[in-house]
Amino acid sequence: MRELFASVAITLLCARAVSPVAAEEPSLTAEAILEKADEVRNPQMDYIVMATITSVKPHGSSTTATYRVLVKGRDRAVVQTLSPPIDTGRVMLMRGKDLWVFLPTISKPLRISLRERLMGDVANGDIARANFSGDYTPALTKQERLEDRTYDVLDLKAKAPDVTYARVVLWVDHDTFAPARAEFYAVSGRLLKTCSYEDYRLLGGMLRPSQLVMHDATVKDQRSTITYDQMTVTPLPEKYFTKDYMKKFME
């Protein structure tokens, strides 16, 4: 864990100088810290990004899938599957907390949940619904000093049962608001997986984590990595986020 924070800290020394959300206030509420962390994780406006998921099993075999993700505001998203070829044409539509999957082989969309697995250790909500603020009530539980950096530790409790996780514990850099690590829990309180936010790069106009490395807490040595690339902040028309338009994304 110390190695993770050390690598993140090196990046954040540079991020502090260029990040538009660097801390100016002497103290902030847990809600404000979470909102600023969300601003670092992804743009709070319309954008398009490429996402590649690589899932590695305990015995070493791996699978990879590529997606084109279109996001409008905080509650609308389209996820197009570009590869592997067997899944090409599969499209997910999120409106609010409602999620549907459209498949070339069926005539009507299927209702699915944010918690269902998309691939490996990655849930649908990990890709389609990227913001924590709004879905969770945060509490600032403590600060941790690691590798010459101070991290605010937020305990996030789900506001409703239909979000991706019942509880999230999030480590946020105190100076830059960059997320470093997260733990995701089920309703039962069981730890499902951990996530490290790595390889900060310029995406959509500011430094953001280009890799989310998720480790399954229930299966040893199983992990999935989400890699983001080619992020473009651009206005997206409302029609893209309707059921009627999904057939065009499937073509």
C-alpha atoms as a PDB file:
ATOM      1  CA  MET A   1       0.000   0.000   0.000  1.00  0.00           C
ATOM      2  CA  ARG A   2       2.885   2.381   0.786  1.00  0.00           C
ATOM      3  CA  GLU A   3       4.278   1.745  -2.699  1.00  0.00           C
ATOM      4  CA  LEU A   4       0.958   2.841  -4.199  1.00  0.00           C
ATOM      5  CA  PHE A   5       0.853   6.088  -2.248  1.00  0.00           C
ATOM      6  CA  ALA A   6       4.499   6.761  -3.081  1.00  0.00           C
ATOM      7  CA  SER A   7       3.858   6.523  -6.833  1.00  0.00           C
ATOM      8  CA  VAL A   8       0.747   8.665  -6.601  1.00  0.00           C
ATOM      9  CA  ALA A   9       2.557  11.251  -4.489  1.00  0.00           C
ATOM     10  CA  ILE A  10       5.244  11.780  -7.137  1.00  0.00           C
ATOM     11  CA  THR A  11       2.582  12.540  -9.736  1.00  0.00           C
ATOM     12  CA  LEU A  12       0.669  14.823  -7.399  1.00  0.00           C
ATOM     13  CA  LEU A  13       3.683  17.031  -6.784  1.00  0.00           C
ATOM     14  CA  CYS A  14       3.286  18.072 -10.419  1.00  0.00           C
ATOM     15  CA  ALA A  15      -0.506  17.968 -10.362  1.00  0.00           C
ATOM     16  CA  ARG A  16      -0.625  20.520  -7.572  1.00  0.00           C
ATOM     17  CA  ALA A  17       1.005  23.119  -9.798  1.00  0.00           C
ATOM     18  CA  VAL A  18      -1.358  22.726 -12.759  1.00  0.00           C
ATOM     19  CA  SER A  19      -4.630  21.440 -11.328  1.00  0.00           C
ATOM     20  CA  PRO A  20      -7.436  24.058 -11.405  1.00  0.00           C
ATOM     21  CA  VAL A  21      -9.006  22.500  -8.313  1.00  0.00           C
ATOM     22  CA  ALA A  22      -5.972  22.732  -6.038  1.00  0.00           C
ATOM     23  CA  ALA A  23      -7.026  23.490  -2.462  1.00  0.00           C
ATOM     24  CA  GLU A  24      -7.365  27.120  -1.461  1.00  0.00           C
ATOM     25  CA  GLU A  25      -9.723  26.801   1.486  1.00  0.00           C
ATOM     26  CA  PRO A  26      -8.241  26.197   4.948  1.00  0.00           C
ATOM     27  CA  SER A  27     -10.847  23.496   5.564  1.00  0.00           C
ATOM     28  CA  LEU A  28     -13.638  21.923   3.551  1.00  0.00           C
ATOM     29  CA  THR A  29     -16.666  19.795   4.287  1.00  0.00           C
ATOM     30  CA  ALA A  30     -16.672  16.121   3.345  1.00  0.00           C
ATOM     31  CA  GLU A  31     -19.198  16.934   0.610  1.00  0.00           C
ATOM     32  CA  ALA A  32     -16.913  19.576  -0.906  1.00  0.00           C
ATOM     33  CA  ILE A  33     -13.892  17.258  -0.810  1.00  0.00           C
ATOM     34  CA  LEU A  34     -15.860  14.522  -2.570  1.00  0.00           C
ATOM     35  CA  GLU A  35     -17.116  16.889  -5.268  1.00  0.00           C
ATOM     36  CA  LYS A  36     -13.582  18.097  -5.961  1.00  0.00           C
ATOM     37  CA  ALA A  37     -12.329  14.503  -6.103  1.00  0.00           C
ATOM     38  CA  ASP A  38     -15.020  13.781  -8.683  1.00  0.00           C
ATOM     39  CA  GLU A  39     -13.798  16.772 -10.710  1.00  0.00           C
ATOM     40  CA  VAL A  40     -10.345  15.190 -10.810  1.00  0.00           C
ATOM     41  CA  ARG A  41     -11.646  11.732 -11.717  1.00  0.00           C
ATOM     42  CA  ASN A  42     -13.671  12.918 -14.716  1.00  0.00           C
ATOM     43  CA  PRO A  43     -15.023  16.120 -16.323  1.00  0.00           C
ATOM     44  CA  GLN A  44     -18.246  17.483 -14.854  1.00  0.00           C
ATOM     45  CA  MET A  45     -19.547  18.240 -18.336  1.00  0.00           C
ATOM     46  CA  ASP A  46     -20.206  16.331 -21.558  1.00  0.00           C
ATOM     47  CA  TYR A  47     -17.303  14.203 -22.778  1.00  0.00           C
ATOM     48  CA  ILE A  48     -16.262  11.143 -24.788  1.00  0.00           C
ATOM     49  CA  VAL A  49     -13.519   8.749 -23.695  1.00  0.00           C
ATOM     50  CA  MET A  50     -12.065   5.420 -24.765  1.00  0.00           C
ATOM     51  CA  ALA A  51     -11.886   2.772 -22.043  1.00  0.00           C
ATOM     52  CA  THR A  52     -10.005  -0.522 -22.189  1.00  0.00           C
ATOM     53  CA  ILE A  53     -10.576  -3.198 -19.554  1.00  0.00           C
ATOM     54  CA  THR A  54      -7.975  -5.913 -19.034  1.00  0.00           C
ATOM     55  CA  SER A  55      -8.965  -8.694 -16.645  1.00  0.00           C
ATOM     56  CA  VAL A  56      -6.337 -11.071 -15.250  1.00  0.00           C
ATOM     57  CA  LYS A  57      -7.250 -14.384 -13.614  1.00  0.00           C
ATOM     58  CA  PRO A  58      -5.251 -15.947 -10.736  1.00  0.00           C
ATOM     59  CA  HIS A  59      -3.604 -18.455 -13.081  1.00  0.00           C
ATOM     60  CA  GLY A  60      -2.387 -15.631 -15.335  1.00  0.00           C
ATOM     61  CA  SER A  61      -4.760 -15.746 -18.315  1.00  0.00           C
ATOM     62  CA  SER A  62      -6.182 -12.402 -19.398  1.00  0.00           C
ATOM     63  CA  THR A  63      -9.013 -10.971 -21.487  1.00  0.00           C
ATOM     64  CA  THR A  64      -9.388  -7.474 -22.920  1.00  0.00           C
ATOM     65  CA  ALA A  65     -12.344  -5.401 -24.090  1.00  0.00           C
ATOM     66  CA  THR A  66     -12.558  -1.867 -25.480  1.00  0.00           C
ATOM     67  CA  TYR A  67     -15.408   0.606 -25.040  1.00  0.00           C
ATOM     68  CA  ARG A  68     -16.371   4.051 -26.280  1.00  0.00           C
ATOM     69  CA  VAL A  69     -18.066   5.952 -23.473  1.00  0.00           C
ATOM     70  CA  LEU A  70     -20.220   9.042 -24.000  1.00  0.00           C
ATOM     71  CA  VAL A  71     -21.232  10.964 -20.878  1.00  0.00           C
ATOM     72  CA  LYS A  72     -23.725  13.827 -20.593  1.00  0.00           C
ATOM     73  CA  GLY A  73     -23.809  15.589 -17.243  1.00  0.00           C
ATOM     74  CA  ARG A  74     -23.865  13.342 -14.199  1.00  0.00           C
ATOM     75  CA  ASP A  75     -26.702  10.976 -14.982  1.00  0.00           C
ATOM     76  CA  ARG A  76     -26.622   9.995 -18.646  1.00  0.00           C
ATOM     77  CA  ALA A  77     -24.166   7.739 -20.414  1.00  0.00           C
ATOM     78  CA  VAL A  78     -23.797   5.449 -23.412  1.00  0.00           C
ATOM     79  CA  VAL A  79     -21.236   2.626 -23.421  1.00  0.00           C
ATOM     80  CA  GLN A  80     -20.454   1.105 -26.831  1.00  0.00           C
ATOM     81  CA  THR A  81     -18.546  -2.176 -27.001  1.00  0.00           C
ATOM     82  CA  LEU A  82     -15.891  -2.013 -29.737  1.00  0.00           C
ATOM     83  CA  SER A  83     -14.068  -5.270 -29.009  1.00  0.00           C
ATOM     84  CA  PRO A  84     -13.820  -8.239 -28.769  1.00  0.00           C
ATOM     85  CA  PRO A  85     -15.620  -8.894 -32.078  1.00  0.00           C
ATOM     86  CA  ILE A  86     -18.079 -11.305 -30.449  1.00  0.00           C
ATOM     87  CA  ASP A  87     -19.454  -8.420 -28.348  1.00  0.00           C
ATOM     88  CA  THR A  88     -19.311  -5.684 -30.983  1.00  0.00           C
ATOM     89  CA  GLY A  89     -22.668  -3.922 -31.255  1.00  0.00           C
ATOM     90  CA  ARG A  90     -23.490  -4.295 -27.572  1.00  0.00           C
ATOM     91  CA  VAL A  91     -24.583  -0.922 -26.166  1.00  0.00           C
ATOM     92  CA  MET A  92     -25.507   0.185 -22.645  1.00  0.00           C
ATOM     93  CA  LEU A  93     -27.680   3.215 -21.951  1.00  0.00           C
ATOM     94  CA  MET A  94     -27.844   4.862 -18.539  1.00  0.00           C
ATOM     95  CA  ARG A  95     -30.431   7.481 -17.639  1.00  0.00           C
ATOM     96  CA  GLY A  96     -30.382   8.393 -13.977  1.00  0.00           C
ATOM     97  CA  LYS A  97     -30.006   5.085 -12.180  1.00  0.00           C
ATOM     98  CA  ASP A  98     -31.834   3.164 -14.904  1.00  0.00           C
ATOM     99  CA  LEU A  99     -29.619   0.996 -17.077  1.00  0.00           C
ATOM    100  CA  TRP A 100     -30.426  -0.994 -20.215  1.00  0.00           C
ATOM    101  CA  VAL A 101     -28.346  -3.168 -22.512  1.00  0.00           C
ATOM    102  CA  PHE A 102     -29.082  -3.371 -26.232  1.00  0.00           C
ATOM    103  CA  LEU A 103     -27.918  -6.471 -28.108  1.00  0.00           C
ATOM    104  CA  PRO A 104     -27.886  -7.088 -31.872  1.00  0.00           C
ATOM    105  CA  THR A 105     -29.537 -10.483 -31.347  1.00  0.00           C
ATOM    106  CA  ILE A 106     -32.643  -9.251 -29.494  1.00  0.00           C
ATOM    107  CA  SER A 107     -35.365  -6.788 -30.471  1.00  0.00           C
ATOM    108  CA  LYS A 108     -35.944  -5.189 -27.065  1.00  0.00           C
ATOM    109  CA  PRO A 109     -33.473  -3.816 -24.524  1.00  0.00           C
ATOM    110  CA  LEU A 110     -32.816  -5.703 -21.306  1.00  0.00           C
ATOM    111  CA  ARG A 111     -32.974  -3.955 -17.949  1.00  0.00           C
ATOM    112  CA  ILE A 112     -29.777  -4.505 -15.957  1.00  0.00           C
ATOM    113  CA  SER A 113     -28.319  -3.132 -12.712  1.00  0.00           C
ATOM    114  CA  LEU A 114     -25.333  -0.925 -11.993  1.00  0.00           C
ATOM    115  CA  ARG A 115     -23.934  -3.660  -9.720  1.00  0.00           C
ATOM    116  CA  GLU A 116     -23.807  -6.388 -12.352  1.00  0.00           C
ATOM    117  CA  ARG A 117     -20.381  -7.272 -13.693  1.00  0.00           C
ATOM    118  CA  LEU A 118     -19.423  -5.824 -17.038  1.00  0.00           C
ATOM    119  CA  MET A 119     -16.133  -7.695 -17.250  1.00  0.00           C
ATOM    120  CA  GLY A 120     -13.845  -9.229 -14.651  1.00  0.00           C
ATOM    121  CA  ASP A 121     -13.972  -7.159 -11.474  1.00  0.00           C
ATOM    122  CA  VAL A 122     -15.497  -4.146 -13.226  1.00  0.00           C
ATOM    123  CA  ALA A 123     -19.189  -3.454 -12.612  1.00  0.00           C
ATOM    124  CA  ASN A 124     -21.482  -1.687 -15.062  1.00  0.00           C
ATOM    125  CA  GLY A 125     -21.594   1.295 -12.734  1.00  0.00           C
ATOM    126  CA  ASP A 126     -17.793   1.599 -12.676  1.00  0.00           C
ATOM    127  CA  ILE A 127     -17.936   2.641 -16.337  1.00  0.00           C
ATOM    128  CA  ALA A 128     -21.407   4.127 -16.802  1.00  0.00           C
ATOM    129  CA  ARG A 129     -21.752   6.114 -13.560  1.00  0.00           C
ATOM    130  CA  ALA A 130     -18.470   7.742 -12.618  1.00  0.00           C
ATOM    131  CA  ASN A 131     -19.440  10.265  -9.910  1.00  0.00           C
ATOM    132  CA  PHE A 132     -19.604   9.463  -6.198  1.00  0.00           C
ATOM    133  CA  SER A 133     -21.130  12.783  -5.118  1.00  0.00           C
ATOM    134  CA  GLY A 134     -24.894  12.667  -5.424  1.00  0.00           C
ATOM    135  CA  ASP A 135     -25.069   8.903  -4.865  1.00  0.00           C
ATOM    136  CA  TYR A 136     -23.278   8.803  -1.503  1.00  0.00           C
ATOM    137  CA  THR A 137     -23.293  10.672   1.794  1.00  0.00           C
ATOM    138  CA  PRO A 138     -19.654  11.294   2.769  1.00  0.00           C
ATOM    139  CA  ALA A 139     -18.082  11.594   6.208  1.00  0.00           C
ATOM    140  CA  LEU A 140     -14.500  12.685   6.801  1.00  0.00           C
ATOM    141  CA  THR A 141     -13.302  10.035   9.243  1.00  0.00           C
ATOM    142  CA  LYS A 142      -9.581  10.799   9.531  1.00  0.00           C
ATOM    143  CA  GLN A 143      -6.428  12.007   7.852  1.00  0.00           C
ATOM    144  CA  GLU A 144      -3.469   9.768   7.066  1.00  0.00           C
ATOM    145  CA  ARG A 145       0.094  10.888   6.495  1.00  0.00           C
ATOM    146  CA  LEU A 146       1.904   8.609   4.041  1.00  0.00           C
ATOM    147  CA  GLU A 147       5.045   9.212   2.000  1.00  0.00           C
ATOM    148  CA  ASP A 148       5.078  12.946   2.842  1.00  0.00           C
ATOM    149  CA  ARG A 149       1.492  13.394   1.635  1.00  0.00           C
ATOM    150  CA  THR A 150      -1.663  13.922   3.673  1.00  0.00           C
ATOM    151  CA  TYR A 151      -4.807  12.050   2.639  1.00  0.00           C
ATOM    152  CA  ASP A 152      -8.378  12.764   3.696  1.00  0.00           C
ATOM    153  CA  VAL A 153     -10.183   9.463   4.255  1.00  0.00           C
ATOM    154  CA  LEU A 154     -13.865   9.646   3.322  1.00  0.00           C
ATOM    155  CA  ASP A 155     -16.453   7.059   4.332  1.00  0.00           C
ATOM    156  CA  LEU A 156     -19.225   7.080   1.723  1.00  0.00           C
ATOM    157  CA  LYS A 157     -22.638   5.597   2.514  1.00  0.00           C
ATOM    158  CA  ALA A 158     -25.092   4.947  -0.315  1.00  0.00           C
ATOM    159  CA  LYS A 159     -28.149   7.215  -0.314  1.00  0.00           C
ATOM    160  CA  ALA A 160     -30.259   4.568  -2.070  1.00  0.00           C
ATOM    161  CA  PRO A 161     -30.039   0.784  -2.567  1.00  0.00           C
ATOM    162  CA  ASP A 162     -29.812   0.970  -6.371  1.00  0.00           C
ATOM    163  CA  VAL A 163     -26.290   2.403  -6.650  1.00  0.00           C
ATOM    164  CA  THR A 164     -23.196   0.386  -7.542  1.00  0.00           C
ATOM    165  CA  TYR A 165     -21.873  -0.122  -3.989  1.00  0.00           C
ATOM    166  CA  ALA A 166     -23.411   0.085  -0.533  1.00  0.00           C
ATOM    167  CA  ARG A 167     -20.304   1.731   0.928  1.00  0.00           C
ATOM    168  CA  VAL A 168     -17.047   3.181  -0.365  1.00  0.00           C
ATOM    169  CA  VAL A 169     -13.953   4.262   1.563  1.00  0.00           C
ATOM    170  CA  LEU A 170     -11.959   6.794  -0.465  1.00  0.00           C
ATOM    171  CA  TRP A 171      -8.459   8.219   0.099  1.00  0.00           C
ATOM    172  CA  VAL A 172      -8.175  11.759  -1.343  1.00  0.00           C
ATOM    173  CA  ASP A 173      -5.000  13.845  -1.484  1.00  0.00           C
ATOM    174  CA  HIS A 174      -5.525  16.742   0.925  1.00  0.00           C
ATOM    175  CA  ASP A 175      -3.824  19.335  -1.299  1.00  0.00           C
ATOM    176  CA  THR A 176      -4.884  18.353  -4.827  1.00  0.00           C
ATOM    177  CA  PHE A 177      -8.102  16.365  -4.196  1.00  0.00           C
ATOM    178  CA  ALA A 178      -6.743  13.591  -6.408  1.00  0.00           C
ATOM    179  CA  PRO A 179      -8.106  10.166  -5.418  1.00  0.00           C
ATOM    180  CA  ALA A 180      -5.435   7.602  -4.572  1.00  0.00           C
ATOM    181  CA  ARG A 181      -7.242   4.500  -3.350  1.00  0.00           C
ATOM    182  CA  ALA A 182     -10.741   3.145  -2.686  1.00  0.00           C
ATOM    183  CA  GLU A 183     -12.398   0.186  -1.011  1.00  0.00           C
ATOM    184  CA  PHE A 184     -15.809  -1.034  -2.182  1.00  0.00           C
ATOM    185  CA  TYR A 185     -18.236  -2.855   0.119  1.00  0.00           C
ATOM    186  CA  ALA A 186     -21.428  -4.887  -0.285  1.00  0.00           C
ATOM    187  CA  VAL A 187     -24.639  -4.340   1.704  1.00  0.00           C
ATOM    188  CA  SER A 188     -23.513  -7.126   4.049  1.00  0.00           C
ATOM    189  CA  GLY A 189     -20.383  -5.153   4.895  1.00  0.00           C
ATOM    190  CA  ARG A 190     -18.115  -7.553   3.011  1.00  0.00           C
ATOM    191  CA  LEU A 191     -15.173  -6.004   1.183  1.00  0.00           C
ATOM    192  CA  LEU A 192     -15.676  -6.680  -2.532  1.00  0.00           C
ATOM    193  CA  LYS A 193     -12.601  -5.095  -4.067  1.00  0.00           C
ATOM    194  CA  THR A 194      -9.984  -2.397  -3.750  1.00  0.00           C
ATOM    195  CA  CYS A 195      -9.043   0.162  -6.377  1.00  0.00           C
ATOM    196  CA  SER A 196      -5.928   2.251  -6.915  1.00  0.00           C
ATOM    197  CA  TYR A 197      -6.016   5.383  -9.094  1.00  0.00           C
ATOM    198  CA  GLU A 198      -2.773   5.411 -11.064  1.00  0.00           C
ATOM    199  CA  ASP A 199      -0.793   6.883 -13.957  1.00  0.00           C
ATOM    200  CA  TYR A 200      -2.064  10.456 -13.793  1.00  0.00           C
ATOM    201  CA  ARG A 201      -2.048  12.027 -17.260  1.00  0.00           C
ATOM    202  CA  LEU A 202      -3.501  15.029 -19.057  1.00  0.00           C
ATOM    203  CA  LEU A 203      -7.042  13.976 -19.992  1.00  0.00           C
ATOM    204  CA  GLY A 204      -9.823  16.364 -20.883  1.00  0.00           C
ATOM    205  CA  GLY A 205      -7.752  19.413 -19.981  1.00  0.00           C
ATOM    206  CA  MET A 206      -6.337  18.376 -16.589  1.00  0.00           C
ATOM    207  CA  LEU A 207      -4.371  15.663 -14.818  1.00  0.00           C
ATOM    208  CA  ARG A 208      -6.552  12.651 -14.110  1.00  0.00           C
ATOM    209  CA  PRO A 209      -5.934   8.986 -13.268  1.00  0.00           C
ATOM    210  CA  SER A 210      -5.662   7.171 -16.589  1.00  0.00           C
ATOM    211  CA  GLN A 211      -5.693   3.754 -14.900  1.00  0.00           C
ATOM    212  CA  LEU A 212      -7.982   2.250 -12.274  1.00  0.00           C
ATOM    213  CA  VAL A 213      -6.527  -1.014 -10.987  1.00  0.00           C
ATOM    214  CA  MET A 214      -9.128  -3.150  -9.208  1.00  0.00           C
ATOM    215  CA  HIS A 215      -8.182  -6.136  -7.046  1.00  0.00           C
ATOM    216  CA  ASP A 216     -10.816  -8.708  -6.145  1.00  0.00           C
ATOM    217  CA  ALA A 217     -10.944  -9.015  -2.352  1.00  0.00           C
ATOM    218  CA  THR A 218     -12.555 -12.455  -2.537  1.00  0.00           C
ATOM    219  CA  VAL A 219     -10.312 -14.098  -5.170  1.00  0.00           C
ATOM    220  CA  LYS A 220      -6.558 -13.897  -4.580  1.00  0.00           C
ATOM    221  CA  ASP A 221      -4.438 -12.545  -7.451  1.00  0.00           C
ATOM    222  CA  GLN A 222      -7.447 -11.616  -9.589  1.00  0.00           C
ATOM    223  CA  ARG A 223      -7.496  -8.059 -10.894  1.00  0.00           C
ATOM    224  CA  SER A 224      -8.926  -5.825 -13.598  1.00  0.00           C
ATOM    225  CA  THR A 225      -7.491  -2.595 -14.986  1.00  0.00           C
ATOM    226  CA  ILE A 226      -9.510   0.172 -16.640  1.00  0.00           C
ATOM    227  CA  THR A 227      -7.327   2.345 -18.888  1.00  0.00           C
ATOM    228  CA  TYR A 228      -8.718   5.653 -20.152  1.00  0.00           C
ATOM    229  CA  ASP A 229      -7.463   7.377 -23.297  1.00  0.00           C
ATOM    230  CA  GLN A 230      -8.502   9.968 -25.898  1.00  0.00           C
ATOM    231  CA  MET A 231     -10.780  11.962 -23.607  1.00  0.00           C
ATOM    232  CA  THR A 232     -12.566  14.795 -25.419  1.00  0.00           C
ATOM    233  CA  VAL A 233     -14.736  17.371 -23.678  1.00  0.00           C
ATOM    234  CA  THR A 234     -17.497  18.306 -26.135  1.00  0.00           C
ATOM    235  CA  PRO A 235     -21.245  19.074 -26.050  1.00  0.00           C
ATOM    236  CA  LEU A 236     -23.354  15.987 -26.789  1.00  0.00           C
ATOM    237  CA  PRO A 237     -26.937  16.155 -28.091  1.00  0.00           C
ATOM    238  CA  GLU A 238     -29.758  14.873 -25.918  1.00  0.00           C
ATOM    239  CA  LYS A 239     -30.910  12.481 -28.659  1.00  0.00           C
ATOM    240  CA  TYR A 240     -27.795  10.329 -28.145  1.00  0.00           C
ATOM    241  CA  PHE A 241     -29.129   9.286 -24.744  1.00  0.00           C
ATOM    242  CA  THR A 242     -32.513   7.911 -25.790  1.00  0.00           C
ATOM    243  CA  LYS A 243     -33.628   4.354 -26.456  1.00  0.00           C
ATOM    244  CA  ASP A 244     -34.635   5.246 -30.015  1.00  0.00           C
ATOM    245  CA  TYR A 245     -31.080   6.263 -30.871  1.00  0.00           C
ATOM    246  CA  MET A 246     -29.413   3.081 -29.646  1.00  0.00           C
ATOM    247  CA  LYS A 247     -29.805   1.283 -32.976  1.00  0.00           C
ATOM    248  CA  LYS A 248     -27.512   3.857 -34.576  1.00  0.00           C
ATOM    249  CA  PHE A 249     -24.823   3.102 -32.002  1.00  0.00           C
ATOM    250  CA  MET A 250     -25.211  -0.610 -32.764  1.00  0.00           C
ATOM    251  CA  GLU A 251     -24.526  -0.182 -36.483  1.00  0.00           C
END
